[in-house]
Amino acid sequence: MMEILNVQNVKKVYQSRRGAKVEALNDINFTVKKGEYIAIMGESGSGKSTLLNILASLDDVTEGEVMLEGVNYKHIKNDELAAFRRQHLGFVFQDFNLLDQFSLKDNIFLPLVLAGLSVKEMNAKIKELASTLEIEHILEKYPYEVSGGQQQRAAVARALITSPSLILADEPTGALDSRSAQELLDLFARFHKAGQTIIMVTHSVYAASKAGRVLFIKDGKINSEIHKTDMDEDITQQIFDMQSAAVAKRSIL
């Protein structure tokens, strides 16, 4: 498979109000092939959210490089960043990030409106996607009129409607009940099988077990990872074992 994302020697240092330097990431290296489904796990404060923000081009690196489909983030001008995100990245958030004053349909259309597509083009794009996500019957409703699971499906539609190179999902099951979470993960698996590249940050062992590769971040570094030999393999116990080993090591220290 073709390499789609390359993260090389990434370091991120923040400066506190008192002038102290805080190292959030240090020497992060990994590549992602087109069509991969990757989960990133780590404790709060481990650096996983910082990494996701950097991959989303929402934060700059202190050192190192991030390249998506051969485009180095450092070479993207500030006034071109928004267009770059619309063209290459799709976002799925824990709290959905839907606008209550817009219908679900208009929320999904938003990135296409910003890209300047016509109504005819937008309607053509949403038809099959809404059917796959089983939300065609609620497109005219507003976010506050539907369930959390339905809101997240609309958010997934918004992320996918631009046919992005990469989906970045930040705790996508965090605000969902168990049934809605399972349905969302089934949809992710379906889109992944169709060739969509996905990177998901999650605390959920179950959610992470659905990915093909799991990266574990600790103290700003990737300290281990798990690969599936095939997508039907159950790696739940391996993830639990990896987390238990990390807890045990921390207790000793």
C-alpha atoms as a PDB file:
ATOM      1  CA  MET A   1       0.000   0.000   0.000  1.00  0.00           C
ATOM      2  CA  MET A   2       1.075   3.554  -0.669  1.00  0.00           C
ATOM      3  CA  GLU A   3       2.318   5.645   2.242  1.00  0.00           C
ATOM      4  CA  ILE A   4      -0.082   8.521   2.876  1.00  0.00           C
ATOM      5  CA  LEU A   5       1.214  10.088   6.121  1.00  0.00           C
ATOM      6  CA  ASN A   6       4.772  10.458   7.338  1.00  0.00           C
ATOM      7  CA  VAL A   7       5.577  11.801  10.802  1.00  0.00           C
ATOM      8  CA  GLN A   8       9.304  12.318  11.322  1.00  0.00           C
ATOM      9  CA  ASN A   9      11.134  13.270  14.531  1.00  0.00           C
ATOM     10  CA  VAL A  10       8.239  15.399  15.768  1.00  0.00           C
ATOM     11  CA  LYS A  11       8.834  17.358  18.942  1.00  0.00           C
ATOM     12  CA  LYS A  12       6.447  19.828  20.569  1.00  0.00           C
ATOM     13  CA  VAL A  13       7.445  22.162  23.383  1.00  0.00           C
ATOM     14  CA  TYR A  14       5.093  24.661  24.991  1.00  0.00           C
ATOM     15  CA  GLN A  15       6.094  27.604  27.119  1.00  0.00           C
ATOM     16  CA  SER A  16       4.123  28.236  30.296  1.00  0.00           C
ATOM     17  CA  ARG A  17       3.062  31.677  31.485  1.00  0.00           C
ATOM     18  CA  ARG A  18       5.936  31.614  33.939  1.00  0.00           C
ATOM     19  CA  GLY A  19       8.394  30.909  31.141  1.00  0.00           C
ATOM     20  CA  ALA A  20       8.972  27.238  31.904  1.00  0.00           C
ATOM     21  CA  LYS A  21       9.185  24.884  28.926  1.00  0.00           C
ATOM     22  CA  VAL A  22       6.878  21.864  28.836  1.00  0.00           C
ATOM     23  CA  GLU A  23       7.695  19.033  26.434  1.00  0.00           C
ATOM     24  CA  ALA A  24       4.435  17.526  25.131  1.00  0.00           C
ATOM     25  CA  LEU A  25       5.925  15.332  22.389  1.00  0.00           C
ATOM     26  CA  ASN A  26       9.441  14.062  21.813  1.00  0.00           C
ATOM     27  CA  ASP A  27      10.817  12.202  18.792  1.00  0.00           C
ATOM     28  CA  ILE A  28       7.520  10.912  17.398  1.00  0.00           C
ATOM     29  CA  ASN A  29       8.042   8.765  14.293  1.00  0.00           C
ATOM     30  CA  PHE A  30       5.509   6.703  12.380  1.00  0.00           C
ATOM     31  CA  THR A  31       4.045   6.281   8.924  1.00  0.00           C
ATOM     32  CA  VAL A  32       0.520   5.486   7.797  1.00  0.00           C
ATOM     33  CA  LYS A  33      -0.330   3.638   4.627  1.00  0.00           C
ATOM     34  CA  LYS A  34      -3.368   4.437   2.536  1.00  0.00           C
ATOM     35  CA  GLY A  35      -6.364   2.526   3.863  1.00  0.00           C
ATOM     36  CA  GLU A  36      -4.945   1.887   7.330  1.00  0.00           C
ATOM     37  CA  TYR A  37      -7.089   2.119  10.461  1.00  0.00           C
ATOM     38  CA  ILE A  38      -5.014   3.230  13.452  1.00  0.00           C
ATOM     39  CA  ALA A  39      -5.945   3.851  17.080  1.00  0.00           C
ATOM     40  CA  ILE A  40      -3.841   6.022  19.384  1.00  0.00           C
ATOM     41  CA  MET A  41      -4.063   5.351  23.118  1.00  0.00           C
ATOM     42  CA  GLY A  42      -2.497   6.910  26.190  1.00  0.00           C
ATOM     43  CA  GLU A  43      -3.310   8.329  29.574  1.00  0.00           C
ATOM     44  CA  SER A  44      -4.483  11.916  30.015  1.00  0.00           C
ATOM     45  CA  GLY A  45      -1.487  14.174  29.532  1.00  0.00           C
ATOM     46  CA  SER A  46       0.429  11.590  27.507  1.00  0.00           C
ATOM     47  CA  GLY A  47       0.502  13.794  24.387  1.00  0.00           C
ATOM     48  CA  LYS A  48      -2.063  12.045  22.203  1.00  0.00           C
ATOM     49  CA  SER A  49      -4.326  15.104  21.852  1.00  0.00           C
ATOM     50  CA  THR A  50      -1.328  17.278  21.023  1.00  0.00           C
ATOM     51  CA  LEU A  51      -0.341  14.783  18.343  1.00  0.00           C
ATOM     52  CA  LEU A  52      -3.855  14.779  16.901  1.00  0.00           C
ATOM     53  CA  ASN A  53      -3.847  18.594  16.741  1.00  0.00           C
ATOM     54  CA  ILE A  54      -0.537  18.518  14.888  1.00  0.00           C
ATOM     55  CA  LEU A  55      -1.832  15.927  12.409  1.00  0.00           C
ATOM     56  CA  ALA A  56      -4.876  18.175  11.913  1.00  0.00           C
ATOM     57  CA  SER A  57      -2.533  21.104  11.116  1.00  0.00           C
ATOM     58  CA  LEU A  58      -4.106  22.988  14.040  1.00  0.00           C
ATOM     59  CA  ASP A  59      -0.790  23.206  15.886  1.00  0.00           C
ATOM     60  CA  ASP A  60       2.787  23.613  14.683  1.00  0.00           C
ATOM     61  CA  VAL A  61       5.683  21.320  15.514  1.00  0.00           C
ATOM     62  CA  THR A  62       8.687  22.639  17.417  1.00  0.00           C
ATOM     63  CA  GLU A  63      10.933  20.253  15.525  1.00  0.00           C
ATOM     64  CA  GLY A  64      10.404  17.555  12.894  1.00  0.00           C
ATOM     65  CA  GLU A  65       8.073  17.196   9.932  1.00  0.00           C
ATOM     66  CA  VAL A  66       4.563  16.011   9.079  1.00  0.00           C
ATOM     67  CA  MET A  67       3.764  15.151   5.473  1.00  0.00           C
ATOM     68  CA  LEU A  68       0.358  14.151   4.134  1.00  0.00           C
ATOM     69  CA  GLU A  69       0.313  12.817   0.579  1.00  0.00           C
ATOM     70  CA  GLY A  70       3.730  14.380   0.055  1.00  0.00           C
ATOM     71  CA  VAL A  71       2.708  17.835   1.292  1.00  0.00           C
ATOM     72  CA  ASN A  72       4.920  19.102   4.107  1.00  0.00           C
ATOM     73  CA  TYR A  73       2.808  20.993   6.655  1.00  0.00           C
ATOM     74  CA  LYS A  74       5.650  23.483   7.125  1.00  0.00           C
ATOM     75  CA  HIS A  75       5.293  24.554   3.505  1.00  0.00           C
ATOM     76  CA  ILE A  76       1.569  25.352   3.685  1.00  0.00           C
ATOM     77  CA  LYS A  77       0.925  29.094   3.955  1.00  0.00           C
ATOM     78  CA  ASN A  78      -1.370  30.255   6.745  1.00  0.00           C
ATOM     79  CA  ASP A  79      -3.996  31.524   4.303  1.00  0.00           C
ATOM     80  CA  GLU A  80      -4.048  28.108   2.592  1.00  0.00           C
ATOM     81  CA  LEU A  81      -4.469  25.963   5.720  1.00  0.00           C
ATOM     82  CA  ALA A  82      -8.275  26.030   5.831  1.00  0.00           C
ATOM     83  CA  ALA A  83      -8.537  24.920   2.198  1.00  0.00           C
ATOM     84  CA  PHE A  84      -5.923  22.213   2.813  1.00  0.00           C
ATOM     85  CA  ARG A  85      -7.953  20.808   5.725  1.00  0.00           C
ATOM     86  CA  ARG A  86     -11.179  20.794   3.686  1.00  0.00           C
ATOM     87  CA  GLN A  87      -9.510  18.984   0.803  1.00  0.00           C
ATOM     88  CA  HIS A  88      -7.480  16.415   2.720  1.00  0.00           C
ATOM     89  CA  LEU A  89      -8.854  15.964   6.241  1.00  0.00           C
ATOM     90  CA  GLY A  90     -12.166  14.929   7.783  1.00  0.00           C
ATOM     91  CA  PHE A  91     -12.850  15.409  11.498  1.00  0.00           C
ATOM     92  CA  VAL A  92     -15.071  13.473  13.893  1.00  0.00           C
ATOM     93  CA  PHE A  93     -15.269  14.870  17.442  1.00  0.00           C
ATOM     94  CA  GLN A  94     -16.512  13.466  20.749  1.00  0.00           C
ATOM     95  CA  ASP A  95     -19.086  16.245  21.139  1.00  0.00           C
ATOM     96  CA  PHE A  96     -20.170  16.167  17.445  1.00  0.00           C
ATOM     97  CA  ASN A  97     -19.520  19.932  16.848  1.00  0.00           C
ATOM     98  CA  LEU A  98     -22.771  20.404  14.937  1.00  0.00           C
ATOM     99  CA  LEU A  99     -24.350  23.865  14.630  1.00  0.00           C
ATOM    100  CA  ASP A 100     -27.786  23.919  16.277  1.00  0.00           C
ATOM    101  CA  GLN A 101     -29.094  26.680  13.989  1.00  0.00           C
ATOM    102  CA  PHE A 102     -28.494  24.474  10.930  1.00  0.00           C
ATOM    103  CA  SER A 103     -30.323  21.318   9.930  1.00  0.00           C
ATOM    104  CA  LEU A 104     -28.292  18.110   9.790  1.00  0.00           C
ATOM    105  CA  LYS A 105     -28.230  18.427   6.009  1.00  0.00           C
ATOM    106  CA  ASP A 106     -26.835  21.952   6.166  1.00  0.00           C
ATOM    107  CA  ASN A 107     -24.263  20.880   8.757  1.00  0.00           C
ATOM    108  CA  ILE A 108     -23.091  18.130   6.422  1.00  0.00           C
ATOM    109  CA  PHE A 109     -23.012  20.543   3.490  1.00  0.00           C
ATOM    110  CA  LEU A 110     -20.927  23.147   5.338  1.00  0.00           C
ATOM    111  CA  PRO A 111     -17.455  22.101   4.059  1.00  0.00           C
ATOM    112  CA  LEU A 112     -18.857  21.878   0.520  1.00  0.00           C
ATOM    113  CA  VAL A 113     -20.389  25.349   0.805  1.00  0.00           C
ATOM    114  CA  LEU A 114     -17.009  26.688   1.920  1.00  0.00           C
ATOM    115  CA  ALA A 115     -15.409  24.922  -1.035  1.00  0.00           C
ATOM    116  CA  GLY A 116     -17.831  26.668  -3.409  1.00  0.00           C
ATOM    117  CA  LEU A 117     -19.803  23.667  -4.716  1.00  0.00           C
ATOM    118  CA  SER A 118     -23.236  24.153  -6.242  1.00  0.00           C
ATOM    119  CA  VAL A 119     -26.440  22.856  -4.620  1.00  0.00           C
ATOM    120  CA  LYS A 120     -26.743  20.274  -7.394  1.00  0.00           C
ATOM    121  CA  GLU A 121     -23.243  18.960  -6.702  1.00  0.00           C
ATOM    122  CA  MET A 122     -23.861  18.854  -2.956  1.00  0.00           C
ATOM    123  CA  ASN A 123     -27.141  16.962  -3.304  1.00  0.00           C
ATOM    124  CA  ALA A 124     -25.431  14.416  -5.535  1.00  0.00           C
ATOM    125  CA  LYS A 125     -22.735  13.837  -2.926  1.00  0.00           C
ATOM    126  CA  ILE A 126     -25.035  13.446   0.054  1.00  0.00           C
ATOM    127  CA  LYS A 127     -27.488  10.947  -1.403  1.00  0.00           C
ATOM    128  CA  GLU A 128     -25.444   7.737  -1.186  1.00  0.00           C
ATOM    129  CA  LEU A 129     -23.607   8.800   1.964  1.00  0.00           C
ATOM    130  CA  ALA A 130     -26.806   9.545   3.877  1.00  0.00           C
ATOM    131  CA  SER A 131     -28.225   6.196   2.801  1.00  0.00           C
ATOM    132  CA  THR A 132     -25.124   4.329   3.995  1.00  0.00           C
ATOM    133  CA  LEU A 133     -25.284   6.118   7.340  1.00  0.00           C
ATOM    134  CA  GLU A 134     -29.070   5.599   7.558  1.00  0.00           C
ATOM    135  CA  ILE A 135     -29.801   9.277   8.193  1.00  0.00           C
ATOM    136  CA  GLU A 136     -31.645  10.187   4.976  1.00  0.00           C
ATOM    137  CA  HIS A 137     -34.949  10.376   6.877  1.00  0.00           C
ATOM    138  CA  ILE A 138     -33.651  12.934   9.420  1.00  0.00           C
ATOM    139  CA  LEU A 139     -31.629  15.286   7.195  1.00  0.00           C
ATOM    140  CA  GLU A 140     -34.102  18.144   7.621  1.00  0.00           C
ATOM    141  CA  LYS A 141     -34.095  17.861  11.430  1.00  0.00           C
ATOM    142  CA  TYR A 142     -31.914  19.962  13.712  1.00  0.00           C
ATOM    143  CA  PRO A 143     -29.225  18.495  15.987  1.00  0.00           C
ATOM    144  CA  TYR A 144     -31.292  19.023  19.154  1.00  0.00           C
ATOM    145  CA  GLU A 145     -34.160  17.026  17.614  1.00  0.00           C
ATOM    146  CA  VAL A 146     -32.217  13.772  17.178  1.00  0.00           C
ATOM    147  CA  SER A 147     -30.274  11.342  19.370  1.00  0.00           C
ATOM    148  CA  GLY A 148     -26.564  11.494  20.120  1.00  0.00           C
ATOM    149  CA  GLY A 149     -25.950   8.516  17.856  1.00  0.00           C
ATOM    150  CA  GLN A 150     -27.756  10.210  14.985  1.00  0.00           C
ATOM    151  CA  GLN A 151     -25.831  13.432  15.590  1.00  0.00           C
ATOM    152  CA  GLN A 152     -22.564  11.508  15.402  1.00  0.00           C
ATOM    153  CA  ARG A 153     -23.654   9.855  12.155  1.00  0.00           C
ATOM    154  CA  ALA A 154     -24.306  13.311  10.718  1.00  0.00           C
ATOM    155  CA  ALA A 155     -20.869  14.387  11.929  1.00  0.00           C
ATOM    156  CA  VAL A 156     -19.336  11.367  10.189  1.00  0.00           C
ATOM    157  CA  ALA A 157     -21.195  12.317   7.009  1.00  0.00           C
ATOM    158  CA  ARG A 158     -19.789  15.850   7.253  1.00  0.00           C
ATOM    159  CA  ALA A 159     -16.285  14.403   7.655  1.00  0.00           C
ATOM    160  CA  LEU A 160     -16.638  12.055   4.679  1.00  0.00           C
ATOM    161  CA  ILE A 161     -18.542  14.197   2.193  1.00  0.00           C
ATOM    162  CA  THR A 162     -15.377  15.872   0.882  1.00  0.00           C
ATOM    163  CA  SER A 163     -13.780  12.435   0.227  1.00  0.00           C
ATOM    164  CA  PRO A 164     -10.798  13.265   2.472  1.00  0.00           C
ATOM    165  CA  SER A 165      -7.454  11.519   2.370  1.00  0.00           C
ATOM    166  CA  LEU A 166      -7.538  11.008   6.132  1.00  0.00           C
ATOM    167  CA  ILE A 167     -10.216  10.898   8.833  1.00  0.00           C
ATOM    168  CA  LEU A 168      -9.103  12.100  12.278  1.00  0.00           C
ATOM    169  CA  ALA A 169     -11.450  10.967  15.048  1.00  0.00           C
ATOM    170  CA  ASP A 170     -11.085  12.325  18.589  1.00  0.00           C
ATOM    171  CA  GLU A 171     -12.804  10.033  21.133  1.00  0.00           C
ATOM    172  CA  PRO A 172     -15.684   9.473  18.664  1.00  0.00           C
ATOM    173  CA  THR A 173     -17.553   7.055  20.967  1.00  0.00           C
ATOM    174  CA  GLY A 174     -16.981   9.049  24.159  1.00  0.00           C
ATOM    175  CA  ALA A 175     -20.427  10.692  24.283  1.00  0.00           C
ATOM    176  CA  LEU A 176     -22.399   7.701  22.985  1.00  0.00           C
ATOM    177  CA  ASP A 177     -24.270   4.886  24.695  1.00  0.00           C
ATOM    178  CA  SER A 178     -22.976   1.367  24.111  1.00  0.00           C
ATOM    179  CA  ARG A 179     -25.365   0.582  21.265  1.00  0.00           C
ATOM    180  CA  SER A 180     -24.634   3.831  19.378  1.00  0.00           C
ATOM    181  CA  ALA A 181     -20.904   3.330  19.974  1.00  0.00           C
ATOM    182  CA  GLN A 182     -21.074  -0.163  18.485  1.00  0.00           C
ATOM    183  CA  GLU A 183     -22.999   1.138  15.464  1.00  0.00           C
ATOM    184  CA  LEU A 184     -20.443   3.895  14.921  1.00  0.00           C
ATOM    185  CA  LEU A 185     -17.527   1.458  15.107  1.00  0.00           C
ATOM    186  CA  ASP A 186     -19.311  -0.820  12.641  1.00  0.00           C
ATOM    187  CA  LEU A 187     -19.575   2.156  10.267  1.00  0.00           C
ATOM    188  CA  PHE A 188     -15.895   2.982  10.705  1.00  0.00           C
ATOM    189  CA  ALA A 189     -15.070  -0.634   9.859  1.00  0.00           C
ATOM    190  CA  ARG A 190     -17.265  -0.422   6.775  1.00  0.00           C
ATOM    191  CA  PHE A 191     -15.616   2.781   5.523  1.00  0.00           C
ATOM    192  CA  HIS A 192     -12.180   1.398   6.314  1.00  0.00           C
ATOM    193  CA  LYS A 193     -12.962  -1.731   4.306  1.00  0.00           C
ATOM    194  CA  ALA A 194     -13.900   0.562   1.399  1.00  0.00           C
ATOM    195  CA  GLY A 195     -10.415   2.104   1.579  1.00  0.00           C
ATOM    196  CA  GLN A 196     -10.773   5.072   3.954  1.00  0.00           C
ATOM    197  CA  THR A 197      -7.715   5.894   6.062  1.00  0.00           C
ATOM    198  CA  ILE A 198      -8.627   6.534   9.715  1.00  0.00           C
ATOM    199  CA  ILE A 199      -6.671   7.667  12.783  1.00  0.00           C
ATOM    200  CA  MET A 200      -8.671   7.526  16.006  1.00  0.00           C
ATOM    201  CA  VAL A 201      -7.644   8.763  19.454  1.00  0.00           C
ATOM    202  CA  THR A 202      -9.512   6.816  22.125  1.00  0.00           C
ATOM    203  CA  HIS A 203      -9.501   5.724  25.764  1.00  0.00           C
ATOM    204  CA  SER A 204     -11.759   2.795  24.909  1.00  0.00           C
ATOM    205  CA  VAL A 205     -10.057  -0.583  24.706  1.00  0.00           C
ATOM    206  CA  TYR A 206     -13.012  -1.923  22.760  1.00  0.00           C
ATOM    207  CA  ALA A 207     -12.884   0.912  20.209  1.00  0.00           C
ATOM    208  CA  ALA A 208      -9.118   0.548  19.816  1.00  0.00           C
ATOM    209  CA  SER A 209      -9.467  -3.205  19.292  1.00  0.00           C
ATOM    210  CA  LYS A 210     -11.373  -2.523  16.074  1.00  0.00           C
ATOM    211  CA  ALA A 211      -8.372  -0.794  14.491  1.00  0.00           C
ATOM    212  CA  GLY A 212      -5.668  -2.583  12.538  1.00  0.00           C
ATOM    213  CA  ARG A 213      -2.851  -1.003  14.525  1.00  0.00           C
ATOM    214  CA  VAL A 214      -2.722   0.548  17.986  1.00  0.00           C
ATOM    215  CA  LEU A 215      -0.055   3.087  18.978  1.00  0.00           C
ATOM    216  CA  PHE A 216       0.558   3.669  22.692  1.00  0.00           C
ATOM    217  CA  ILE A 217       1.839   7.090  23.762  1.00  0.00           C
ATOM    218  CA  LYS A 218       3.481   7.643  27.123  1.00  0.00           C
ATOM    219  CA  ASP A 219       5.225  10.813  28.295  1.00  0.00           C
ATOM    220  CA  GLY A 220       5.148  12.268  24.798  1.00  0.00           C
ATOM    221  CA  LYS A 221       6.679   9.249  23.082  1.00  0.00           C
ATOM    222  CA  ILE A 222       5.351   6.220  21.216  1.00  0.00           C
ATOM    223  CA  ASN A 223       6.595   3.455  23.469  1.00  0.00           C
ATOM    224  CA  SER A 224       4.851   0.445  21.905  1.00  0.00           C
ATOM    225  CA  GLU A 225       2.350  -0.690  19.296  1.00  0.00           C
ATOM    226  CA  ILE A 226       0.208  -3.660  18.370  1.00  0.00           C
ATOM    227  CA  HIS A 227      -0.474  -4.898  14.835  1.00  0.00           C
ATOM    228  CA  LYS A 228      -3.311  -7.130  13.746  1.00  0.00           C
ATOM    229  CA  THR A 229      -2.367  -9.951  11.430  1.00  0.00           C
ATOM    230  CA  ASP A 230      -5.858  -9.666   9.926  1.00  0.00           C
ATOM    231  CA  MET A 231      -8.851  -7.410  10.628  1.00  0.00           C
ATOM    232  CA  ASP A 232     -10.835 -10.266  12.217  1.00  0.00           C
ATOM    233  CA  GLU A 233      -8.202 -10.813  14.895  1.00  0.00           C
ATOM    234  CA  ASP A 234      -9.265  -9.890  18.447  1.00  0.00           C
ATOM    235  CA  ILE A 235      -6.490  -7.856  20.102  1.00  0.00           C
ATOM    236  CA  THR A 236      -8.540  -6.769  23.136  1.00  0.00           C
ATOM    237  CA  GLN A 237      -6.496  -8.841  25.578  1.00  0.00           C
ATOM    238  CA  GLN A 238      -3.229  -7.595  24.104  1.00  0.00           C
ATOM    239  CA  ILE A 239      -4.357  -4.001  24.665  1.00  0.00           C
ATOM    240  CA  PHE A 240      -5.363  -4.780  28.262  1.00  0.00           C
ATOM    241  CA  ASP A 241      -1.996  -6.476  28.842  1.00  0.00           C
ATOM    242  CA  MET A 242      -0.123  -3.474  27.411  1.00  0.00           C
ATOM    243  CA  GLN A 243      -2.045  -1.081  29.648  1.00  0.00           C
ATOM    244  CA  SER A 244      -1.578  -3.289  32.716  1.00  0.00           C
ATOM    245  CA  ALA A 245       2.169  -3.424  32.093  1.00  0.00           C
ATOM    246  CA  ALA A 246       2.286   0.375  31.880  1.00  0.00           C
ATOM    247  CA  VAL A 247       0.348   0.729  35.159  1.00  0.00           C
ATOM    248  CA  ALA A 248       2.614  -1.782  36.880  1.00  0.00           C
ATOM    249  CA  LYS A 249       5.745   0.017  35.689  1.00  0.00           C
ATOM    250  CA  ARG A 250       4.373   3.352  36.911  1.00  0.00           C
ATOM    251  CA  SER A 251       3.605   1.830  40.335  1.00  0.00           C
ATOM    252  CA  ILE A 252       7.159   0.566  40.640  1.00  0.00           C
ATOM    253  CA  LEU A 253       8.577   3.966  39.730  1.00  0.00           C
END
